[in-house]
Amino acid sequence: MVSEISVGGASGRKKPVVWVPLSWPMVLALRSIC
């Protein structure tokens, strides 16, 4: 969870505010699938 968020933040350091909300549903979906 933390690793995925950090990777997304590193990829989009210019838009961290946009990556945070977008990464939440993705992480939840991945966790639900796993």
C-alpha atoms as a PDB file:
ATOM      1  CA  MET A   1       0.000   0.000   0.000  1.00  0.00           C
ATOM      2  CA  VAL A   2       2.722   2.473   0.987  1.00  0.00           C
ATOM      3  CA  SER A   3       5.051   1.278  -1.783  1.00  0.00           C
ATOM      4  CA  GLU A   4       2.376   1.758  -4.445  1.00  0.00           C
ATOM      5  CA  ILE A   5       1.514   5.253  -3.189  1.00  0.00           C
ATOM      6  CA  SER A   6       5.208   6.235  -3.073  1.00  0.00           C
ATOM      7  CA  VAL A   7       5.734   4.970  -6.634  1.00  0.00           C
ATOM      8  CA  GLY A   8       2.717   6.910  -7.872  1.00  0.00           C
ATOM      9  CA  GLY A   9       3.944  10.022  -6.039  1.00  0.00           C
ATOM     10  CA  ALA A  10       7.400   9.645  -7.610  1.00  0.00           C
ATOM     11  CA  SER A  11       5.868   9.273 -11.077  1.00  0.00           C
ATOM     12  CA  GLY A  12       3.638  12.319 -10.618  1.00  0.00           C
ATOM     13  CA  ARG A  13       5.504  14.599  -8.210  1.00  0.00           C
ATOM     14  CA  LYS A  14       4.073  17.565 -10.089  1.00  0.00           C
ATOM     15  CA  LYS A  15       0.489  16.413  -9.418  1.00  0.00           C
ATOM     16  CA  PRO A  16       0.508  14.661  -6.009  1.00  0.00           C
ATOM     17  CA  VAL A  17      -2.988  15.937  -5.205  1.00  0.00           C
ATOM     18  CA  VAL A  18      -4.381  14.232  -8.327  1.00  0.00           C
ATOM     19  CA  TRP A  19      -2.454  10.995  -7.732  1.00  0.00           C
ATOM     20  CA  VAL A  20      -3.573  10.605  -4.115  1.00  0.00           C
ATOM     21  CA  PRO A  21      -7.347  10.313  -4.822  1.00  0.00           C
ATOM     22  CA  LEU A  22      -6.707   8.250  -7.971  1.00  0.00           C
ATOM     23  CA  SER A  23      -4.402   5.842  -6.152  1.00  0.00           C
ATOM     24  CA  TRP A  24      -6.895   5.210  -3.329  1.00  0.00           C
ATOM     25  CA  PRO A  25      -9.536   3.384  -5.457  1.00  0.00           C
ATOM     26  CA  MET A  26      -6.782   1.498  -7.285  1.00  0.00           C
ATOM     27  CA  VAL A  27      -5.248   0.280  -4.018  1.00  0.00           C
ATOM     28  CA  LEU A  28      -8.661  -0.687  -2.652  1.00  0.00           C
ATOM     29  CA  ALA A  29      -9.443  -2.592  -5.864  1.00  0.00           C
ATOM     30  CA  LEU A  30      -6.096  -4.408  -5.739  1.00  0.00           C
ATOM     31  CA  ARG A  31      -6.626  -5.316  -2.082  1.00  0.00           C
ATOM     32  CA  SER A  32     -10.164  -6.574  -2.765  1.00  0.00           C
ATOM     33  CA  ILE A  33      -8.908  -8.685  -5.700  1.00  0.00           C
ATOM     34  CA  CYS A  34      -6.061 -10.112  -3.649  1.00  0.00           C
END
